[in-house]
Every structure is written in C-alpha cells, then in structure tokens.
C-alpha cells in the first residue's frame, strides 16, 4: 500500500496537482469510504474518524458533499429497478 501511495503522490505532483487540491480530494474519498462503511450514519462515521459529528457535518458541507446523495447511494434501488429473477419451475410428479 505504501508503494501505491508513493506512486499516487508522484503522479499528482507530476500532474500539477496542488497540495491543497490533493488534501481536499483525500478528505473527500476517505470520508465517503467511512460513511459507506457505516451506511451513511454520520454519528458512527465521526466516531471512527475521531471527530465530533458536527465537525464531520461541517466538513461534508465544506467539501461540497451532499449527505442526501450519500444516503441515496447506499440504499437499495426501488423494486422497479431491481433485477428480476425467474423462479425455477418445479416438476410435477412423474
């Protein structure tokens, strides 16, 4: 993992990504990952991140993340959008 991070940092530097942009993108990805792990529960995510829930909420807003979209992305799709599976046909006694 350390090599992957070093490679990513090198690519970002060579690509002209500023420190501020890199930190912002890391925060976004990390927070989204932790929120997904906790199914959008900000209280549990904040606890894991070692911050107060209000701080997490403020950070989400500052990063331009939409909590509603986070929650929607974690929910099951409506029945009309779920794949339909056919039940196997049962053979009658022969």
Protein backbone atom coordinates (compact mmCIF):
# COMPACT_ATOMS: atom_id res chain seq x y z
CA UNK A 1 0.00 0.00 0.00
CA UNK A 2 2.87 2.35 0.80
CA UNK A 3 4.25 1.95 -2.74
CA UNK A 4 0.82 2.66 -4.22
CA UNK A 5 0.54 5.84 -2.15
CA UNK A 6 4.05 6.94 -3.15
CA UNK A 7 3.20 6.34 -6.80
CA UNK A 8 -0.06 8.25 -6.50
CA UNK A 9 1.65 11.20 -4.80
CA UNK A 10 4.30 11.24 -7.51
CA UNK A 11 1.65 11.19 -10.26
CA UNK A 12 -0.28 14.01 -8.58
CA UNK A 13 2.88 16.11 -8.21
CA UNK A 14 3.91 15.50 -11.82
CA UNK A 15 0.36 16.32 -12.92
CA UNK A 16 0.48 19.73 -11.28
CA UNK A 17 -2.00 18.97 -8.51
CA UNK A 18 -1.52 21.44 -5.66
CA UNK A 19 -1.15 20.37 -2.06
CA UNK A 20 -4.50 21.95 -1.20
CA UNK A 21 -6.25 20.07 -4.01
CA UNK A 22 -4.59 16.78 -3.02
CA UNK A 23 -5.60 17.12 0.64
CA UNK A 24 -9.15 18.07 -0.32
CA UNK A 25 -9.51 15.05 -2.63
CA UNK A 26 -8.07 12.72 0.01
CA UNK A 27 -10.52 14.02 2.63
CA UNK A 28 -13.44 13.54 0.25
CA UNK A 29 -12.52 9.97 -0.63
CA UNK A 30 -11.68 8.96 2.93
CA UNK A 31 -14.86 10.43 4.41
CA UNK A 32 -17.00 8.83 1.68
CA UNK A 33 -15.36 5.46 2.37
CA UNK A 34 -16.02 5.67 6.12
CA UNK A 35 -19.60 6.87 5.56
CA UNK A 36 -20.23 3.99 3.16
CA UNK A 37 -18.85 1.56 5.73
CA UNK A 38 -21.36 2.91 8.27
CA UNK A 39 -24.21 3.06 5.73
CA UNK A 40 -24.36 6.86 5.86
CA UNK A 41 -24.55 7.07 9.66
CA UNK A 42 -22.68 10.29 10.43
CA UNK A 43 -22.51 9.66 14.19
CA UNK A 44 -20.73 6.32 13.74
CA UNK A 45 -18.52 7.69 10.95
CA UNK A 46 -17.49 10.68 13.07
CA UNK A 47 -16.63 8.39 15.96
CA UNK A 48 -14.40 6.26 13.72
CA UNK A 49 -12.79 9.39 12.26
CA UNK A 50 -12.11 10.73 15.75
CA UNK A 51 -14.14 13.89 15.34
CA UNK A 52 -17.39 15.33 16.62
CA UNK A 53 -20.46 14.73 14.45
CA UNK A 54 -20.89 18.47 13.97
CA UNK A 55 -17.31 18.72 12.71
CA UNK A 56 -17.98 15.90 10.23
CA UNK A 57 -21.18 17.58 9.09
CA UNK A 58 -19.34 20.88 8.59
CA UNK A 59 -16.51 19.12 6.73
CA UNK A 60 -19.02 17.37 4.45
CA UNK A 61 -20.53 20.75 3.63
CA UNK A 62 -17.12 22.40 3.06
CA UNK A 63 -16.10 19.60 0.68
CA UNK A 64 -19.32 20.00 -1.29
CA UNK A 65 -20.56 16.51 -0.49
CA UNK A 66 -24.31 16.02 -0.43
CA UNK A 67 -25.38 13.89 2.57
CA UNK A 68 -28.68 13.06 0.84
CA UNK A 69 -26.78 11.72 -2.18
CA UNK A 70 -24.52 9.71 0.12
CA UNK A 71 -27.55 8.12 1.75
CA UNK A 72 -29.30 7.56 -1.58
CA UNK A 73 -26.23 5.86 -2.97
CA UNK A 74 -26.28 3.39 -0.10
CA UNK A 75 -29.93 2.40 -0.32
CA UNK A 76 -31.36 -0.45 -2.29
CA UNK A 77 -32.88 0.58 -5.62
CA UNK A 78 -36.67 0.67 -5.86
CA UNK A 79 -38.34 -2.62 -6.75
CA UNK A 80 -38.97 -1.40 -10.30
CA UNK A 81 -35.20 -1.00 -10.83
CA UNK A 82 -34.10 -4.27 -9.22
CA UNK A 83 -33.18 -7.16 -11.49
CA UNK A 84 -35.96 -9.69 -11.84
CA UNK A 85 -35.11 -13.32 -11.27
CA UNK A 86 -37.30 -16.11 -12.51
CA UNK A 87 -38.26 -18.81 -10.07
CA UNK A 88 -37.20 -22.28 -11.21
CA UNK A 89 -40.14 -24.33 -12.38
CA UNK A 90 -40.98 -27.28 -10.20
CA UNK A 91 -41.65 -30.57 -11.89
CA UNK A 92 -44.87 -32.27 -11.02
CA UNK A 93 -44.55 -35.91 -10.00
CA UNK A 94 -43.65 -38.26 -12.83
